[in-house]
Amino acid sequence: MNALLYRSLVMLAFLGITGILVFVIQDSLHAAESPAGRTVFYPEESDRVLANPFMGFAVDAKYDESAQPFRLAHVNLTWRELEPEKGRYAFDAIEEKFNFPLWRQRGVHLIVRVIMDYPRDYAHMDIPDWLYREIGGDGTWYDNEYGKGFSPNYDNSLLIRNHERMISALGRRYNDDPLIAFIQLGSLGHWGEWHTWDKKEGYIPFPKRNVSDRYAEHYVRAFPDKHLLMRRPHDVALRNGMGLFNDAFGDPKATSDGFYTWYTQGYTSWLTKEKEPAMLNFWTKAPSGGEFAHRTKYFQDDSIGETLRQARLTHVSWMGPNAPYLEEDRTLQANIDRFLNTIGYRFVIVKESHEKEAPAGGKLNVRLDIRNRGVAPFYYPWPLELSLSDAATGAIVLKTVADADIRQWLPGTRTVFHTIKLPKRLAEGEYIVNAAILDPQTGKPGVEFAIEGRRPDGRYPLGKVIVAAPS
């Protein structure tokens, strides 16, 4: 026999045996995962960018424009525009300026920050005139590398009392409003970022903890039902379970060597010389967010690896308003998509199983294996719904809420078990198990899973079950 032909026949025989072995092994694994009487469904995972609530890019709420998907908008609110006259709050004007009705209609949630000092290229104040007169002009007019503006003396007792009253009014208006996603503790420092100009020339003092804590506690009392975020770890943030925001994201020195070290190890404030604690696992209960140090620089091919590393290190859920949501440069789109698919939560139903057949009036025991491929959890207690739909018509015939707290779905895999009680009147036939996370405000599916097959109503069809006559 020709040597070449002999070797070919041997190879074909080997491949055939290998193929049989692979088939047997795979079939055995499938059988092991499919106990007798149960059916197992494996959804097809999707790599699409998902426009999900409470994560992604946060656009400037004043403008209705974006080249990227988004479900958050950011409100930088100055005290000057909020309370132009003492005790009279311009809520209607503010809500018009920042498009509250539009965002409410579109299911976009808001991040709100109150600011007393926003440096600009012209001399101005961000506190009201009446307050400036009341505190006797106590503060610093500045003109430095940040810009121009007025930094009030945060130790001033009249300023503190008025701030408490103003934040209380804000809380009465918005604490119960589902439109508001998160509250950033602004108020202190330039841009509300809890720091002041610290160079020797033109130095502006920052308040010690015993004073700055009072400002923070105003927010804690006014917004008991909102997640609060601070610019850096502080003892008051740790005690009250706050989140954190990093307004220099992307910059390795400011993030990997700064923000990350602060929250994992603690630090000594360069402004007050006081030690502040680590907040190692803050992100498991409250959000990590912020904005980029540069709008597009960190999405270049030579930077995106470090950007993604920072996202994983600091468990960010959202970025904005300084973020590339207006970016239309297609050469950056792949890296933007990689970033959006990394931050926040990304729920994948890996496997679903239940009995192949169940009688009307009986029980259907459903198991879901759900993997969060993101870097953070979901931060509000939205319900997980399981439903049955008629396999022929698609009509939903039964809905039930699973005993699952989706806030506990940290990165990794979680298993949900739920028993669906089947009504005795349920007609015999073939049905499909569906899953959805409901928006409590609408009662409709409000979160996309990273799997294919989404129904027009937002639910995700999984495995089939035969409903038999009552036993």
Protein backbone atom coordinates (compact mmCIF):
# COMPACT_ATOMS: atom_id res chain seq x y z
CA MET A 1 0.00 0.00 0.00
CA ASN A 2 1.23 3.47 -0.84
CA ALA A 3 2.80 5.00 2.31
CA LEU A 4 0.97 8.30 1.86
CA LEU A 5 -2.36 6.49 1.44
CA TYR A 6 -1.63 4.37 4.54
CA ARG A 7 -0.91 7.43 6.68
CA SER A 8 -4.10 9.09 5.41
CA LEU A 9 -6.24 6.07 6.35
CA VAL A 10 -4.65 5.95 9.82
CA MET A 11 -5.35 9.65 10.32
CA LEU A 12 -8.98 9.29 9.20
CA ALA A 13 -9.46 6.39 11.59
CA PHE A 14 -7.93 8.38 14.44
CA LEU A 15 -10.16 11.38 13.71
CA GLY A 16 -13.19 9.12 13.55
CA ILE A 17 -12.41 7.55 16.93
CA THR A 18 -11.70 11.02 18.40
CA GLY A 19 -15.00 12.30 17.05
CA ILE A 20 -16.87 9.38 18.63
CA LEU A 21 -15.13 10.00 21.96
CA VAL A 22 -15.97 13.73 21.83
CA PHE A 23 -19.59 12.90 21.03
CA VAL A 24 -19.78 10.39 23.90
CA ILE A 25 -18.17 12.82 26.36
CA GLN A 26 -20.42 15.70 25.31
CA ASP A 27 -23.50 13.47 25.44
CA SER A 28 -22.52 12.27 28.92
CA LEU A 29 -22.04 15.82 30.13
CA HIS A 30 -25.42 16.81 28.71
CA ALA A 31 -27.06 13.85 30.43
CA ALA A 32 -25.38 14.76 33.71
CA GLU A 33 -26.78 18.28 33.46
CA SER A 34 -30.24 17.07 32.49
CA PRO A 35 -31.69 14.95 35.32
CA ALA A 36 -34.52 12.62 34.38
CA GLY A 37 -37.77 14.49 33.96
CA ARG A 38 -36.19 17.93 33.59
CA THR A 39 -35.45 20.02 30.54
CA VAL A 40 -32.45 22.34 30.26
CA PHE A 41 -32.30 25.46 28.10
CA TYR A 42 -29.09 27.32 27.20
CA PRO A 43 -29.76 30.85 25.91
CA GLU A 44 -27.50 32.30 23.26
CA GLU A 45 -25.34 35.02 24.76
CA SER A 46 -25.25 38.43 23.06
CA ASP A 47 -22.33 40.84 22.73
CA ARG A 48 -24.54 43.86 21.97
CA VAL A 49 -24.15 47.12 23.88
CA LEU A 50 -27.18 47.31 26.16
CA ALA A 51 -28.85 50.61 27.04
CA ASN A 52 -29.77 49.63 30.59
CA PRO A 53 -30.90 51.76 33.55
CA PHE A 54 -28.47 53.28 36.09
CA MET A 55 -25.32 52.57 34.05
CA GLY A 56 -23.36 53.62 30.97
CA PHE A 57 -22.73 57.18 29.83
CA ALA A 58 -24.44 60.07 31.62
CA VAL A 59 -25.15 62.91 29.19
CA ASP A 60 -25.51 66.59 30.08
CA ALA A 61 -29.17 66.86 31.03
CA LYS A 62 -29.50 70.29 29.42
CA TYR A 63 -29.12 68.86 25.91
CA ASP A 64 -30.95 66.16 24.01
CA GLU A 65 -28.08 64.86 21.95
CA SER A 66 -25.89 61.78 21.94
CA ALA A 67 -24.24 59.52 19.38
CA GLN A 68 -24.11 56.68 21.93
CA PRO A 69 -26.84 54.83 23.84
CA PHE A 70 -27.59 56.22 27.30
CA ARG A 71 -30.04 55.92 30.19
CA LEU A 72 -28.55 58.53 32.54
CA ALA A 73 -28.32 62.33 32.41
CA HIS A 74 -26.30 64.59 34.69
CA VAL A 75 -27.57 67.75 36.41
CA ASN A 76 -25.01 70.29 37.64
CA LEU A 77 -27.23 72.54 39.72
CA THR A 78 -25.91 75.78 41.21
CA TRP A 79 -27.38 77.14 44.41
CA ARG A 80 -27.73 80.48 42.63
CA GLU A 81 -30.25 79.12 40.13
CA LEU A 82 -31.97 76.87 42.66
CA GLU A 83 -32.81 79.59 45.21
CA PRO A 84 -32.62 83.03 43.56
CA GLU A 85 -34.64 84.49 46.44
CA LYS A 86 -34.33 83.21 49.97
CA GLY A 87 -36.93 80.53 50.64
CA ARG A 88 -38.23 80.57 47.05
CA TYR A 89 -37.01 77.65 44.99
CA ALA A 90 -37.06 77.76 41.20
CA PHE A 91 -37.95 74.08 40.77
CA ASP A 92 -40.13 74.63 37.71
CA ALA A 93 -37.44 76.62 35.92
CA ILE A 94 -34.78 74.07 36.83
CA GLU A 95 -36.85 71.13 35.63
CA GLU A 96 -37.46 72.90 32.34
CA LYS A 97 -33.79 73.79 31.89
CA PHE A 98 -32.64 70.24 32.56
CA ASN A 99 -35.44 68.55 30.57
CA PHE A 100 -37.03 66.63 33.43
CA PRO A 101 -40.27 65.89 31.48
CA LEU A 102 -38.31 64.59 28.48
CA TRP A 103 -36.12 62.28 30.54
CA ARG A 104 -39.09 61.03 32.54
CA GLN A 105 -40.85 60.13 29.29
CA ARG A 106 -37.81 58.31 27.91
CA GLY A 107 -36.96 56.33 31.04
CA VAL A 108 -33.70 58.22 31.53
CA HIS A 109 -32.70 58.72 35.18
CA LEU A 110 -30.85 61.71 36.59
CA ILE A 111 -27.71 62.21 38.65
CA VAL A 112 -27.87 65.47 40.60
CA ARG A 113 -25.01 67.54 42.02
CA VAL A 114 -25.43 70.86 43.86
CA ILE A 115 -22.59 73.31 43.30
CA MET A 116 -21.54 76.44 45.20
CA ASP A 117 -18.41 77.17 43.16
CA TYR A 118 -17.89 76.33 39.49
CA PRO A 119 -14.73 77.95 38.04
CA ARG A 120 -15.30 79.69 34.72
CA ASP A 121 -13.40 82.07 32.45
CA TYR A 122 -15.14 85.12 33.91
CA ALA A 123 -15.70 86.51 37.40
CA HIS A 124 -19.00 85.29 38.86
CA MET A 125 -20.72 83.69 41.86
CA ASP A 126 -22.57 80.39 42.08
CA ILE A 127 -24.26 81.21 45.38
CA PRO A 128 -27.23 83.62 45.39
CA ASP A 129 -26.71 87.34 45.89
CA TRP A 130 -28.89 87.32 48.99
CA LEU A 131 -26.67 84.62 50.56
CA TYR A 132 -23.50 86.53 49.69
CA ARG A 133 -24.90 89.56 51.51
CA GLU A 134 -26.07 87.45 54.45
CA ILE A 135 -22.61 85.95 55.03
CA GLY A 136 -21.03 89.38 54.57
CA GLY A 137 -19.02 88.34 51.53
CA ASP A 138 -17.12 85.81 53.66
CA GLY A 139 -15.00 83.87 51.21
CA THR A 140 -12.38 84.18 48.46
CA TRP A 141 -12.62 85.72 45.03
CA TYR A 142 -10.08 83.84 42.94
CA ASP A 143 -8.42 83.89 39.52
CA ASN A 144 -6.13 80.88 39.04
CA GLU A 145 -5.44 77.97 36.69
CA TYR A 146 -8.89 76.52 37.41
CA GLY A 147 -10.63 79.71 36.33
CA LYS A 148 -12.42 82.55 38.07
CA GLY A 149 -15.09 82.50 40.73
CA PHE A 150 -15.98 82.86 44.38
CA SER A 151 -15.25 80.24 47.03
CA PRO A 152 -17.36 80.85 50.17
CA ASN A 153 -15.92 80.29 53.61
CA TYR A 154 -17.40 76.87 54.36
CA ASP A 155 -16.86 77.36 58.11
CA ASN A 156 -19.38 80.22 58.14
CA SER A 157 -22.27 79.23 60.44
CA LEU A 158 -24.86 81.17 58.41
CA LEU A 159 -23.74 79.37 55.26
CA ILE A 160 -24.08 76.00 57.02
CA ARG A 161 -27.59 76.77 58.34
CA ASN A 162 -28.80 77.97 54.95
CA HIS A 163 -27.25 74.96 53.25
CA GLU A 164 -29.16 72.61 55.55
CA ARG A 165 -32.41 74.38 54.75
CA MET A 166 -31.73 74.32 51.00
CA ILE A 167 -30.77 70.62 50.90
CA SER A 168 -33.84 69.78 53.00
CA ALA A 169 -36.04 71.50 50.43
CA LEU A 170 -34.30 69.60 47.65
CA GLY A 171 -34.95 66.34 49.49
CA ARG A 172 -38.64 67.11 49.98
CA ARG A 173 -38.90 67.66 46.24
CA TYR A 174 -36.83 64.73 44.94
CA ASN A 175 -36.20 62.03 47.56
CA ASP A 176 -39.36 60.18 46.51
CA ASP A 177 -39.01 60.93 42.80
CA PRO A 178 -37.98 57.80 40.85
CA LEU A 179 -36.57 60.03 38.10
CA ILE A 180 -33.58 60.76 40.34
CA ALA A 181 -31.07 57.90 40.30
CA PHE A 182 -28.19 59.17 42.43
CA ILE A 183 -27.20 62.26 44.41
CA GLN A 184 -23.57 63.36 44.31
CA LEU A 185 -22.47 65.25 47.39
CA GLY A 186 -21.27 68.43 45.76
CA SER A 187 -21.58 71.69 47.70
CA LEU A 188 -17.97 71.86 48.90
CA GLY A 189 -15.00 72.88 46.78
CA HIS A 190 -14.50 73.80 43.15
CA TRP A 191 -17.05 72.02 40.92
CA GLY A 192 -18.46 70.46 44.10
CA GLU A 193 -15.49 68.08 44.06
CA TRP A 194 -14.49 68.51 47.71
CA HIS A 195 -11.18 70.25 47.10
CA THR A 196 -10.02 73.86 46.88
CA TRP A 197 -6.97 75.54 45.34
CA ASP A 198 -4.12 74.25 47.49
CA LYS A 199 -1.11 76.08 46.02
CA LYS A 200 0.73 78.51 48.27
CA GLU A 201 -0.09 81.48 46.08
CA GLY A 202 -3.82 82.13 46.27
CA TYR A 203 -4.40 79.29 48.76
CA ILE A 204 -8.10 78.67 49.58
CA PRO A 205 -8.78 76.77 52.83
CA PHE A 206 -10.88 73.61 52.90
CA PRO A 207 -12.93 72.83 56.04
CA LYS A 208 -11.90 70.23 58.60
CA ARG A 209 -13.92 67.05 59.07
CA ASN A 210 -16.03 68.43 61.93
CA VAL A 211 -17.40 71.03 59.49
CA SER A 212 -17.46 69.08 56.22
CA ASP A 213 -19.35 66.26 57.97
CA ARG A 214 -22.16 68.68 58.74
CA TYR A 215 -22.64 69.38 55.04
CA ALA A 216 -22.63 65.64 54.29
CA GLU A 217 -25.16 64.93 57.01
CA HIS A 218 -27.55 67.45 55.48
CA TYR A 219 -27.72 65.14 52.46
CA VAL A 220 -28.04 62.00 54.56
CA ARG A 221 -31.11 63.37 56.34
CA ALA A 222 -32.69 64.85 53.20
CA PHE A 223 -32.23 61.81 50.93
CA PRO A 224 -32.77 58.63 52.97
CA ASP A 225 -34.04 56.76 49.89
CA LYS A 226 -31.36 57.72 47.37
CA HIS A 227 -27.85 56.46 46.87
CA LEU A 228 -25.38 59.21 47.80
CA LEU A 229 -21.87 59.48 46.36
CA MET A 230 -18.81 61.38 47.59
CA ARG A 231 -15.73 62.41 45.63
CA ARG A 232 -13.36 60.45 47.89
CA PRO A 233 -13.62 58.15 50.90
CA HIS A 234 -14.57 59.96 54.10
CA ASP A 235 -15.53 58.60 57.48
CA VAL A 236 -19.05 60.01 57.04
CA ALA A 237 -19.33 58.18 53.71
CA LEU A 238 -18.24 54.90 55.26
CA ARG A 239 -20.66 55.26 58.17
CA ASN A 240 -23.58 55.97 55.87
CA GLY A 241 -22.88 53.39 53.15
CA MET A 242 -22.27 55.93 50.38
CA GLY A 243 -20.89 55.39 46.92
CA LEU A 244 -17.94 57.27 45.42
CA PHE A 245 -17.26 59.19 42.23
CA ASN A 246 -13.96 59.76 40.43
CA ASP A 247 -13.88 62.87 38.25
CA ALA A 248 -10.40 62.08 36.88
CA PHE A 249 -11.15 58.62 35.49
CA GLY A 250 -8.81 57.41 32.76
CA ASP A 251 -5.75 59.19 34.14
CA PRO A 252 -3.59 56.39 35.61
CA LYS A 253 -2.02 58.61 38.27
CA ALA A 254 -5.35 60.02 39.43
CA THR A 255 -7.19 56.69 39.29
CA SER A 256 -4.89 53.67 39.74
CA ASP A 257 -2.46 55.54 42.02
CA GLY A 258 -5.07 57.84 43.56
CA PHE A 259 -8.75 56.92 43.71
CA TYR A 260 -8.12 53.15 43.81
CA THR A 261 -5.52 53.47 46.57
CA TRP A 262 -7.78 55.81 48.56
CA TYR A 263 -10.71 53.44 48.66
CA THR A 264 -8.71 50.25 49.18
CA GLN A 265 -6.14 51.53 51.70
CA GLY A 266 -7.39 54.86 53.04
CA TYR A 267 -5.34 58.06 52.89
CA THR A 268 -4.39 61.26 54.67
CA SER A 269 -6.14 64.31 53.22
CA TRP A 270 -3.63 66.71 51.70
CA LEU A 271 -6.15 69.50 52.41
CA THR A 272 -6.88 68.93 56.10
CA LYS A 273 -4.10 66.48 57.16
CA GLU A 274 -6.81 64.23 58.61
CA LYS A 275 -6.80 60.47 58.03
CA GLU A 276 -9.72 59.05 56.07
CA PRO A 277 -10.64 55.36 56.04
CA ALA A 278 -10.64 52.80 53.28
CA MET A 279 -14.04 51.87 51.79
CA LEU A 280 -12.94 48.57 50.28
CA ASN A 281 -16.27 47.03 49.28
CA PHE A 282 -18.38 50.18 48.99
CA TRP A 283 -19.32 49.31 45.40
CA THR A 284 -21.18 46.17 46.47
CA LYS A 285 -23.89 48.33 48.08
CA ALA A 286 -23.61 51.77 46.43
CA PRO A 287 -22.42 52.97 43.02
CA SER A 288 -19.02 53.93 41.72
CA GLY A 289 -19.17 56.60 39.03
CA GLY A 290 -17.54 59.80 37.83
CA GLU A 291 -16.30 61.31 34.60
CA PHE A 292 -13.25 61.14 32.35
CA ALA A 293 -10.23 63.41 32.77
CA HIS A 294 -10.34 63.77 28.96
CA ARG A 295 -13.33 63.07 26.76
CA THR A 296 -11.72 60.79 24.13
CA LYS A 297 -8.02 60.33 24.94
CA TYR A 298 -8.54 57.13 26.90
CA PHE A 299 -10.35 55.34 24.07
CA GLN A 300 -7.37 55.26 21.73
CA ASP A 301 -5.98 51.81 20.95
CA ASP A 302 -2.90 52.42 23.07
CA SER A 303 -5.02 53.51 26.07
CA ILE A 304 -8.13 51.32 26.08
CA GLY A 305 -6.44 48.45 27.93
CA GLU A 306 -5.62 50.71 30.87
CA THR A 307 -9.10 52.25 30.73
CA LEU A 308 -10.73 48.83 31.01
CA ARG A 309 -8.35 47.90 33.83
CA GLN A 310 -9.41 51.00 35.76
CA ALA A 311 -13.06 50.14 35.20
CA ARG A 312 -12.51 46.72 36.74
CA LEU A 313 -10.38 48.07 39.59
CA THR A 314 -12.88 50.72 40.61
CA HIS A 315 -16.11 48.88 39.63
CA VAL A 316 -17.62 51.85 37.81
CA SER A 317 -21.26 51.84 36.74
CA TRP A 318 -21.42 55.15 34.87
CA MET A 319 -19.34 57.98 33.46
CA GLY A 320 -20.38 61.53 32.60
CA PRO A 321 -21.02 64.18 31.65
CA ASN A 322 -17.38 64.41 30.53
CA ALA A 323 -17.55 61.23 28.46
CA PRO A 324 -17.52 60.43 24.72
CA TYR A 325 -21.28 60.11 24.28
CA LEU A 326 -21.16 62.65 21.42
CA GLU A 327 -18.34 60.78 19.69
CA GLU A 328 -19.00 59.84 16.06
CA ASP A 329 -15.44 58.83 15.16
CA ARG A 330 -15.99 55.27 13.96
CA THR A 331 -12.34 54.38 14.62
CA LEU A 332 -13.09 54.70 18.36
CA GLN A 333 -16.43 52.89 18.33
CA ALA A 334 -15.09 49.39 18.94
CA ASN A 335 -13.25 50.60 22.04
CA ILE A 336 -16.26 52.59 23.24
CA ASP A 337 -18.35 49.43 22.88
CA ARG A 338 -15.79 47.42 24.85
CA PHE A 339 -15.96 49.96 27.65
CA LEU A 340 -19.77 50.06 27.71
CA ASN A 341 -19.89 46.25 27.76
CA THR A 342 -17.52 46.20 30.74
CA ILE A 343 -18.88 48.78 33.18
CA GLY A 344 -21.97 48.41 35.35
CA TYR A 345 -23.88 45.13 35.38
CA ARG A 346 -24.31 42.73 32.48
CA PHE A 347 -26.68 39.88 33.28
CA VAL A 348 -26.48 36.69 31.24
CA ILE A 349 -28.91 33.81 31.79
CA VAL A 350 -26.46 30.97 31.29
CA LYS A 351 -28.86 28.11 31.86
CA GLU A 352 -32.50 27.55 32.78
CA SER A 353 -34.09 24.25 33.79
CA HIS A 354 -37.46 22.92 34.97
CA GLU A 355 -39.63 19.80 34.77
CA LYS A 356 -40.42 18.64 31.26
CA GLU A 357 -44.05 18.13 32.24
CA ALA A 358 -46.22 19.34 35.12
CA PRO A 359 -49.94 19.00 35.85
CA ALA A 360 -52.30 21.94 36.07
CA GLY A 361 -52.71 22.67 39.77
CA GLY A 362 -49.18 21.37 40.38
CA LYS A 363 -45.78 23.03 40.67
CA LEU A 364 -43.05 23.93 38.22
CA ASN A 365 -39.62 24.20 39.86
CA VAL A 366 -37.47 26.62 37.89
CA ARG A 367 -33.73 27.07 38.22
CA LEU A 368 -31.87 30.00 36.65
CA ASP A 369 -28.08 30.27 36.53
CA ILE A 370 -27.32 33.95 36.01
CA ARG A 371 -23.85 35.34 35.39
CA ASN A 372 -23.04 39.02 35.87
CA ARG A 373 -20.27 39.71 33.37
CA GLY A 374 -20.06 43.36 34.42
CA VAL A 375 -18.04 44.90 37.23
CA ALA A 376 -20.86 46.09 39.49
CA PRO A 377 -24.32 45.05 40.70
CA PHE A 378 -27.72 46.65 40.16
CA TYR A 379 -28.44 49.05 43.04
CA TYR A 380 -32.22 49.12 43.38
CA PRO A 381 -34.60 46.26 44.36
CA TRP A 382 -36.32 45.70 41.03
CA PRO A 383 -38.29 42.43 40.91
CA LEU A 384 -37.44 39.37 38.83
CA GLU A 385 -40.53 38.10 37.07
CA LEU A 386 -41.04 34.57 35.75
CA SER A 387 -43.97 33.97 33.46
CA LEU A 388 -45.56 31.36 31.21
CA SER A 389 -46.60 32.08 27.66
CA ASP A 390 -48.66 29.98 25.29
CA ALA A 391 -46.17 28.36 22.88
CA ALA A 392 -48.59 28.73 19.97
CA THR A 393 -49.81 32.31 20.43
CA GLY A 394 -47.14 33.89 22.64
CA ALA A 395 -49.81 35.21 25.03
CA ILE A 396 -48.72 35.53 28.66
CA VAL A 397 -50.97 33.32 30.76
CA LEU A 398 -49.26 33.46 34.16
CA LYS A 399 -46.91 35.87 35.97
CA THR A 400 -45.08 35.45 39.27
CA VAL A 401 -42.35 37.34 41.10
CA ALA A 402 -39.34 35.26 42.11
CA ASP A 403 -37.86 35.47 45.58
CA ALA A 404 -34.62 37.04 44.35
CA ASP A 405 -32.77 40.22 45.28
CA ILE A 406 -31.00 41.30 42.11
CA ARG A 407 -28.86 43.71 44.15
CA GLN A 408 -26.98 40.62 45.32
CA TRP A 409 -25.95 39.65 41.78
CA LEU A 410 -22.33 40.72 42.07
CA PRO A 411 -19.84 39.89 39.29
CA GLY A 412 -19.84 36.13 38.92
CA THR A 413 -22.61 33.51 38.83
CA ARG A 414 -25.71 33.28 41.00
CA THR A 415 -28.44 30.64 41.04
CA VAL A 416 -32.11 31.49 41.46
CA PHE A 417 -34.66 28.84 42.43
CA HIS A 418 -38.36 29.58 42.17
CA THR A 419 -41.47 27.43 42.25
CA ILE A 420 -44.29 28.47 39.94
CA LYS A 421 -47.71 27.32 41.14
CA LEU A 422 -49.78 26.32 38.14
CA PRO A 423 -53.53 27.13 38.31
CA LYS A 424 -55.89 24.15 38.04
CA ARG A 425 -57.76 25.95 35.29
CA LEU A 426 -54.63 26.22 33.13
CA ALA A 427 -55.36 24.53 29.80
CA GLU A 428 -53.35 21.53 28.74
CA GLY A 429 -50.69 22.24 26.18
CA GLU A 430 -47.18 23.52 25.54
CA TYR A 431 -45.92 26.65 27.29
CA ILE A 432 -42.69 28.66 27.45
CA VAL A 433 -41.02 29.91 30.61
CA ASN A 434 -40.02 33.60 30.33
CA ALA A 435 -37.83 35.82 32.50
CA ALA A 436 -37.80 39.60 32.96
CA ILE A 437 -36.64 42.25 35.42
CA LEU A 438 -39.49 44.69 35.98
CA ASP A 439 -39.33 48.45 36.36
CA PRO A 440 -41.44 49.10 39.50
CA GLN A 441 -42.69 52.39 38.07
CA THR A 442 -44.17 50.88 34.91
CA GLY A 443 -44.68 47.25 35.92
CA LYS A 444 -43.06 46.33 32.59
CA PRO A 445 -39.72 44.71 31.75
CA GLY A 446 -37.04 47.36 32.25
CA VAL A 447 -33.65 45.63 32.04
CA GLU A 448 -32.11 43.86 29.06
CA PHE A 449 -30.32 40.57 29.58
CA ALA A 450 -27.22 39.94 27.45
CA ILE A 451 -28.90 37.09 25.59
CA GLU A 452 -30.68 36.75 22.28
CA GLY A 453 -34.39 36.19 21.68
CA ARG A 454 -35.94 39.16 23.49
CA ARG A 455 -39.69 39.34 22.91
CA PRO A 456 -41.35 42.60 21.79
CA ASP A 457 -42.69 43.03 25.34
CA GLY A 458 -39.15 42.84 26.79
CA ARG A 459 -39.40 39.33 28.25
CA TYR A 460 -36.93 36.58 27.40
CA PRO A 461 -38.27 33.14 26.33
CA LEU A 462 -36.46 30.18 27.84
CA GLY A 463 -37.37 26.47 27.98
CA LYS A 464 -40.67 24.77 27.11
CA VAL A 465 -42.93 22.78 29.42
CA ILE A 466 -45.93 20.52 28.82
CA VAL A 467 -48.85 21.24 31.11
CA ALA A 468 -50.95 18.11 31.59
CA ALA A 469 -54.42 17.59 33.01
CA PRO A 470 -54.73 17.99 36.79
CA SER A 471 -53.55 14.85 38.60
